[in-house]
Structures are given as C-alpha cells and as structure tokens.
Amino acid sequence: MRRVNIRDLNGDFFEEVARANEPVGITNNRRLCAVLLPVTPEWVDQIIVDNLSRIRHSIERGLKADPPRTTVDATTANEPGEAELPIIRRVKIRELRGSLIEKAAASRETLGVMNDGRLCAVLIPVTAQWVDKLIDHSVSRIVHSVDQGEKALEGGQDLVSLDEIFGAPRHRLTST
C-alpha cells in the first residue's frame, strides 16, 4: 500500500487515487494515522448492489412510519438487534489535520472527505492500539511462515522470491 504524508493531500491527489482505485496509507509524523479509501462511482454502485435489499427494506419501513420522518438519526434508525451504523463525519480536504484524525480515532469516527461538495474518499483513522492488536494477531502466522521457509532452505528446496511473485526476474534462494 502506498503511503502519503497528510500534508501532501489535495484534490488532485484524491482524483489520482480514485483513477487508480487504490487504498492509501496516510502518515502523520512518519506514523500511519489513517487508511484512505477512494470513492468511485463503481464503488458506490457495488455498495448499492450489495445492500439493495436493506435499502429497499429501510425505504419501505420509512414509508410506513407514522408520522413520516424527514431525517434519519443513525443512532435510532436501526431495528433492535441490528448492527449500529458507523458514525461518519464529513470534512473538507483542506480541514484534514493530524489532530483531527487523532480525535476521530479516539471517537471511533470514520471521516467522509469532501471535495467541491462531493464525497471523494472515506478515511478510516488508525490508532496505535489497533496496529498493536493487528500485529499480535498476525505474529503467529509470520513466525510459522518463517519456520516453513527455513525448513525449505535446509531441505535444499527452491523458494519463490517476492520479485518472482510480482513479475520481476527470478532469483534463486538457496541455503549457504
């Protein structure tokens, strides 16, 4: 995943990321502070298709409500037992700051990034505790993979390099 400093974010960057349809790590003081997901028409279409039955159900429920509601409160819109909707706060690109992202992370808010009045990205704040938990959950898999690689090298087996996986010329890894 590509990483970009928060100070380098602007409308052109968001357009470039949307064209590439790639998530981007956002850093502040050289630390990962958020993951940016570009919003493209295709992504919105996919969300609608994936959630069409829930959307229809919500519309039908809203039409049957007495009295009709003109606004939806995210904390009360769900039926009992349904998952609570995430809190999304809209911010303009020029408002993005490390302190804003830290506050959003502490409040467990997802940020909807606006450009010229349009939603152009969803920014998910990352906390140090979340990264620690992710590492803790992944360490056993990493150690297992290293053990497998060492055993394969000891047995004289050829290993596939990352260069080979990603299309670069093959380099043979052998034990010494």
C-alpha atoms as a PDB file:
ATOM      1  CA  MET A   1       0.000   0.000   0.000  1.00  0.00           C
ATOM      2  CA  ARG A   2       1.299   3.399  -0.942  1.00  0.00           C
ATOM      3  CA  ARG A   3       1.824   5.864   1.932  1.00  0.00           C
ATOM      4  CA  VAL A   4       1.417   9.631   1.712  1.00  0.00           C
ATOM      5  CA  ASN A   5       2.068  12.377   4.255  1.00  0.00           C
ATOM      6  CA  ILE A   6      -1.075  14.158   5.395  1.00  0.00           C
ATOM      7  CA  ARG A   7       0.425  17.477   4.271  1.00  0.00           C
ATOM      8  CA  ASP A   8       0.505  16.254   0.664  1.00  0.00           C
ATOM      9  CA  LEU A   9      -3.255  15.683   0.379  1.00  0.00           C
ATOM     10  CA  ASN A  10      -5.127  17.806  -2.157  1.00  0.00           C
ATOM     11  CA  GLY A  11      -7.928  17.472  -4.703  1.00  0.00           C
ATOM     12  CA  ASP A  12      -5.591  16.338  -7.497  1.00  0.00           C
ATOM     13  CA  PHE A  13      -4.203  13.572  -5.281  1.00  0.00           C
ATOM     14  CA  PHE A  14      -7.709  12.311  -4.460  1.00  0.00           C
ATOM     15  CA  GLU A  15      -8.581  12.248  -8.173  1.00  0.00           C
ATOM     16  CA  GLU A  16      -5.388  10.298  -8.939  1.00  0.00           C
ATOM     17  CA  VAL A  17      -6.139   7.771  -6.199  1.00  0.00           C
ATOM     18  CA  ALA A  18      -9.720   7.372  -7.445  1.00  0.00           C
ATOM     19  CA  ARG A  19      -8.495   6.707 -11.006  1.00  0.00           C
ATOM     20  CA  ALA A  20      -6.072   4.082  -9.680  1.00  0.00           C
ATOM     21  CA  ASN A  21      -8.782   2.751  -7.324  1.00  0.00           C
ATOM     22  CA  GLU A  22      -6.189   2.064  -4.646  1.00  0.00           C
ATOM     23  CA  PRO A  23      -6.300   2.421  -0.868  1.00  0.00           C
ATOM     24  CA  VAL A  24      -3.600   4.684   0.554  1.00  0.00           C
ATOM     25  CA  GLY A  25      -1.964   4.836   3.973  1.00  0.00           C
ATOM     26  CA  ILE A  26      -1.921   8.355   5.396  1.00  0.00           C
ATOM     27  CA  THR A  27       1.003   9.251   7.648  1.00  0.00           C
ATOM     28  CA  ASN A  28       1.489  11.998  10.182  1.00  0.00           C
ATOM     29  CA  ASN A  29       4.979  12.475  11.634  1.00  0.00           C
ATOM     30  CA  ARG A  30       6.029   9.288   9.775  1.00  0.00           C
ATOM     31  CA  ARG A  31       3.396   7.175  11.550  1.00  0.00           C
ATOM     32  CA  LEU A  32       0.397   5.562   9.933  1.00  0.00           C
ATOM     33  CA  CYS A  33      -2.630   7.533  11.144  1.00  0.00           C
ATOM     34  CA  ALA A  34      -5.347   6.537   8.663  1.00  0.00           C
ATOM     35  CA  VAL A  35      -6.283   4.467   5.647  1.00  0.00           C
ATOM     36  CA  LEU A  36      -7.904   6.325   2.764  1.00  0.00           C
ATOM     37  CA  LEU A  37     -10.399   4.540   0.514  1.00  0.00           C
ATOM     38  CA  PRO A  38     -11.295   6.455  -2.660  1.00  0.00           C
ATOM     39  CA  VAL A  39     -14.970   6.773  -3.501  1.00  0.00           C
ATOM     40  CA  THR A  40     -15.641   5.997  -7.149  1.00  0.00           C
ATOM     41  CA  PRO A  41     -18.971   5.620  -8.969  1.00  0.00           C
ATOM     42  CA  GLU A  42     -18.217   1.920  -9.381  1.00  0.00           C
ATOM     43  CA  TRP A  43     -17.641   1.531  -5.627  1.00  0.00           C
ATOM     44  CA  VAL A  44     -20.927   3.280  -4.839  1.00  0.00           C
ATOM     45  CA  ASP A  45     -22.720   1.054  -7.383  1.00  0.00           C
ATOM     46  CA  GLN A  46     -21.233  -2.043  -5.726  1.00  0.00           C
ATOM     47  CA  ILE A  47     -22.320  -0.892  -2.263  1.00  0.00           C
ATOM     48  CA  ILE A  48     -25.842  -0.311  -3.549  1.00  0.00           C
ATOM     49  CA  VAL A  49     -25.978  -3.722  -5.236  1.00  0.00           C
ATOM     50  CA  ASP A  50     -24.591  -5.452  -2.126  1.00  0.00           C
ATOM     51  CA  ASN A  51     -27.090  -3.698   0.147  1.00  0.00           C
ATOM     52  CA  LEU A  52     -30.097  -3.293  -2.134  1.00  0.00           C
ATOM     53  CA  SER A  53     -32.452  -5.451  -0.058  1.00  0.00           C
ATOM     54  CA  ARG A  54     -31.587  -3.489   3.126  1.00  0.00           C
ATOM     55  CA  ILE A  55     -32.033  -0.204   1.268  1.00  0.00           C
ATOM     56  CA  ARG A  56     -35.460  -1.298  -0.009  1.00  0.00           C
ATOM     57  CA  HIS A  57     -36.449  -2.507   3.466  1.00  0.00           C
ATOM     58  CA  SER A  58     -35.407   0.831   5.001  1.00  0.00           C
ATOM     59  CA  ILE A  59     -37.375   2.764   2.383  1.00  0.00           C
ATOM     60  CA  GLU A  60     -40.465   0.609   2.941  1.00  0.00           C
ATOM     61  CA  ARG A  61     -40.135   0.967   6.713  1.00  0.00           C
ATOM     62  CA  GLY A  62     -39.754   4.736   6.318  1.00  0.00           C
ATOM     63  CA  LEU A  63     -42.864   4.953   4.117  1.00  0.00           C
ATOM     64  CA  LYS A  64     -44.913   3.026   6.689  1.00  0.00           C
ATOM     65  CA  ALA A  65     -43.685   5.158   9.615  1.00  0.00           C
ATOM     66  CA  ASP A  66     -46.298   7.312  11.318  1.00  0.00           C
ATOM     67  CA  PRO A  67     -45.635  10.246  11.191  1.00  0.00           C
ATOM     68  CA  PRO A  68     -43.330  10.279   8.140  1.00  0.00           C
ATOM     69  CA  ARG A  69     -39.713  11.061   9.040  1.00  0.00           C
ATOM     70  CA  THR A  70     -37.782  13.575   7.001  1.00  0.00           C
ATOM     71  CA  THR A  71     -34.420  12.831   8.619  1.00  0.00           C
ATOM     72  CA  VAL A  72     -32.730   9.659   9.774  1.00  0.00           C
ATOM     73  CA  ASP A  73     -30.865   9.536  13.065  1.00  0.00           C
ATOM     74  CA  ALA A  74     -28.056   6.975  12.766  1.00  0.00           C
ATOM     75  CA  THR A  75     -28.370   6.048  16.436  1.00  0.00           C
ATOM     76  CA  THR A  76     -32.103   5.265  16.249  1.00  0.00           C
ATOM     77  CA  ALA A  77     -32.586   4.160  12.640  1.00  0.00           C
ATOM     78  CA  ASN A  78     -31.814   0.508  13.322  1.00  0.00           C
ATOM     79  CA  GLU A  79     -34.241  -2.138  14.449  1.00  0.00           C
ATOM     80  CA  PRO A  80     -33.432  -3.767  17.797  1.00  0.00           C
ATOM     81  CA  GLY A  81     -30.676  -6.316  17.282  1.00  0.00           C
ATOM     82  CA  GLU A  82     -29.364  -4.718  14.065  1.00  0.00           C
ATOM     83  CA  ALA A  83     -25.766  -3.556  13.905  1.00  0.00           C
ATOM     84  CA  GLU A  84     -25.263   0.092  14.780  1.00  0.00           C
ATOM     85  CA  LEU A  85     -24.326   2.314  11.856  1.00  0.00           C
ATOM     86  CA  PRO A  86     -20.809   3.755  11.963  1.00  0.00           C
ATOM     87  CA  ILE A  87     -20.507   7.438  12.743  1.00  0.00           C
ATOM     88  CA  ILE A  88     -19.370   9.349   9.685  1.00  0.00           C
ATOM     89  CA  ARG A  89     -18.307  12.972   9.867  1.00  0.00           C
ATOM     90  CA  ARG A  90     -17.878  14.967   6.674  1.00  0.00           C
ATOM     91  CA  VAL A  91     -14.754  17.093   6.361  1.00  0.00           C
ATOM     92  CA  LYS A  92     -13.258  19.120   3.534  1.00  0.00           C
ATOM     93  CA  ILE A  93      -9.829  18.151   2.220  1.00  0.00           C
ATOM     94  CA  ARG A  94      -8.322  21.404   3.482  1.00  0.00           C
ATOM     95  CA  GLU A  95      -9.597  20.630   7.012  1.00  0.00           C
ATOM     96  CA  LEU A  96      -7.618  17.374   7.280  1.00  0.00           C
ATOM     97  CA  ARG A  97      -5.022  17.630  10.028  1.00  0.00           C
ATOM     98  CA  GLY A  98      -3.273  15.101  12.214  1.00  0.00           C
ATOM     99  CA  SER A  99      -5.117  16.391  15.279  1.00  0.00           C
ATOM    100  CA  LEU A 100      -8.490  15.961  13.541  1.00  0.00           C
ATOM    101  CA  ILE A 101      -7.654  12.364  12.615  1.00  0.00           C
ATOM    102  CA  GLU A 102      -6.462  11.639  16.181  1.00  0.00           C
ATOM    103  CA  LYS A 103      -9.739  12.970  17.605  1.00  0.00           C
ATOM    104  CA  ALA A 104     -11.723  10.939  15.074  1.00  0.00           C
ATOM    105  CA  ALA A 105      -9.771   7.812  16.035  1.00  0.00           C
ATOM    106  CA  ALA A 106     -10.446   8.427  19.729  1.00  0.00           C
ATOM    107  CA  SER A 107     -14.172   8.854  18.955  1.00  0.00           C
ATOM    108  CA  ARG A 108     -14.180   5.871  16.569  1.00  0.00           C
ATOM    109  CA  GLU A 109     -15.399   8.112  13.765  1.00  0.00           C
ATOM    110  CA  THR A 110     -14.972   7.470  10.082  1.00  0.00           C
ATOM    111  CA  LEU A 111     -14.354  10.612   8.060  1.00  0.00           C
ATOM    112  CA  GLY A 112     -16.063  11.301   4.751  1.00  0.00           C
ATOM    113  CA  VAL A 113     -13.689  13.530   2.784  1.00  0.00           C
ATOM    114  CA  MET A 114     -15.421  16.128   0.622  1.00  0.00           C
ATOM    115  CA  ASN A 115     -14.037  17.885  -2.457  1.00  0.00           C
ATOM    116  CA  ASP A 116     -16.114  20.526  -4.244  1.00  0.00           C
ATOM    117  CA  GLY A 117     -19.194  19.347  -2.345  1.00  0.00           C
ATOM    118  CA  ARG A 118     -18.738  15.675  -3.358  1.00  0.00           C
ATOM    119  CA  LEU A 119     -17.701  12.715  -1.286  1.00  0.00           C
ATOM    120  CA  CYS A 120     -14.340  11.714  -2.753  1.00  0.00           C
ATOM    121  CA  ALA A 121     -12.955   9.365  -0.103  1.00  0.00           C
ATOM    122  CA  VAL A 122     -13.594   7.582   3.150  1.00  0.00           C
ATOM    123  CA  LEU A 123     -10.831   7.994   5.709  1.00  0.00           C
ATOM    124  CA  ILE A 124     -10.552   5.387   8.452  1.00  0.00           C
ATOM    125  CA  PRO A 125      -8.415   6.577  11.386  1.00  0.00           C
ATOM    126  CA  VAL A 126      -5.854   4.105  12.716  1.00  0.00           C
ATOM    127  CA  THR A 127      -4.764   4.025  16.351  1.00  0.00           C
ATOM    128  CA  ALA A 128      -1.543   2.600  17.769  1.00  0.00           C
ATOM    129  CA  GLN A 129      -3.638   0.155  19.815  1.00  0.00           C
ATOM    130  CA  TRP A 130      -5.316  -1.125  16.638  1.00  0.00           C
ATOM    131  CA  VAL A 131      -1.933  -1.651  14.944  1.00  0.00           C
ATOM    132  CA  ASP A 132      -0.627  -3.441  18.055  1.00  0.00           C
ATOM    133  CA  LYS A 133      -3.671  -5.726  18.061  1.00  0.00           C
ATOM    134  CA  LEU A 134      -3.240  -6.428  14.334  1.00  0.00           C
ATOM    135  CA  ILE A 135       0.423  -7.329  14.860  1.00  0.00           C
ATOM    136  CA  ASP A 136      -0.398  -9.518  17.869  1.00  0.00           C
ATOM    137  CA  HIS A 137      -2.949 -11.425  15.782  1.00  0.00           C
ATOM    138  CA  SER A 138      -0.515 -11.820  12.873  1.00  0.00           C
ATOM    139  CA  VAL A 139       2.716 -12.717  14.684  1.00  0.00           C
ATOM    140  CA  SER A 140       1.938 -16.439  14.856  1.00  0.00           C
ATOM    141  CA  ARG A 141       1.341 -16.555  11.087  1.00  0.00           C
ATOM    142  CA  ILE A 142       4.564 -14.653  10.408  1.00  0.00           C
ATOM    143  CA  VAL A 143       6.597 -16.940  12.680  1.00  0.00           C
ATOM    144  CA  HIS A 144       5.015 -20.003  11.030  1.00  0.00           C
ATOM    145  CA  SER A 145       5.896 -18.702   7.553  1.00  0.00           C
ATOM    146  CA  VAL A 146       9.497 -18.005   8.586  1.00  0.00           C
ATOM    147  CA  ASP A 147       9.779 -21.515  10.051  1.00  0.00           C
ATOM    148  CA  GLN A 148       8.455 -23.039   6.813  1.00  0.00           C
ATOM    149  CA  GLY A 149      10.915 -21.005   4.751  1.00  0.00           C
ATOM    150  CA  GLU A 150      13.869 -22.023   6.905  1.00  0.00           C
ATOM    151  CA  LYS A 151      12.902 -25.696   6.685  1.00  0.00           C
ATOM    152  CA  ALA A 152      12.566 -25.445   2.910  1.00  0.00           C
ATOM    153  CA  LEU A 153      16.006 -23.840   2.662  1.00  0.00           C
ATOM    154  CA  GLU A 154      17.553 -26.519   4.871  1.00  0.00           C
ATOM    155  CA  GLY A 155      15.965 -29.183   2.642  1.00  0.00           C
ATOM    156  CA  GLY A 156      17.535 -27.628  -0.478  1.00  0.00           C
ATOM    157  CA  GLN A 157      14.195 -26.588  -1.982  1.00  0.00           C
ATOM    158  CA  ASP A 158      13.922 -23.590  -4.264  1.00  0.00           C
ATOM    159  CA  LEU A 159      11.905 -20.755  -2.771  1.00  0.00           C
ATOM    160  CA  VAL A 160       9.823 -18.280  -4.700  1.00  0.00           C
ATOM    161  CA  SER A 161      11.045 -14.719  -4.188  1.00  0.00           C
ATOM    162  CA  LEU A 162       8.791 -11.675  -3.943  1.00  0.00           C
ATOM    163  CA  ASP A 163      10.359 -10.425  -7.178  1.00  0.00           C
ATOM    164  CA  GLU A 164       9.122 -13.566  -8.903  1.00  0.00           C
ATOM    165  CA  ILE A 165       5.664 -13.250  -7.431  1.00  0.00           C
ATOM    166  CA  PHE A 166       5.399  -9.675  -8.681  1.00  0.00           C
ATOM    167  CA  GLY A 167       6.790 -10.389 -12.142  1.00  0.00           C
ATOM    168  CA  ALA A 168      10.474  -9.458 -11.837  1.00  0.00           C
ATOM    169  CA  PRO A 169      13.168 -11.890 -12.995  1.00  0.00           C
ATOM    170  CA  ARG A 170      13.577 -14.989 -10.821  1.00  0.00           C
ATOM    171  CA  HIS A 171      16.327 -15.058  -8.222  1.00  0.00           C
ATOM    172  CA  ARG A 172      17.103 -18.447  -6.771  1.00  0.00           C
ATOM    173  CA  LEU A 173      17.220 -18.506  -2.993  1.00  0.00           C
ATOM    174  CA  THR A 174      19.428 -21.214  -1.605  1.00  0.00           C
ATOM    175  CA  SER A 175      20.878 -22.055   1.765  1.00  0.00           C
ATOM    176  CA  THR A 176      24.506 -21.242   2.480  1.00  0.00           C
END
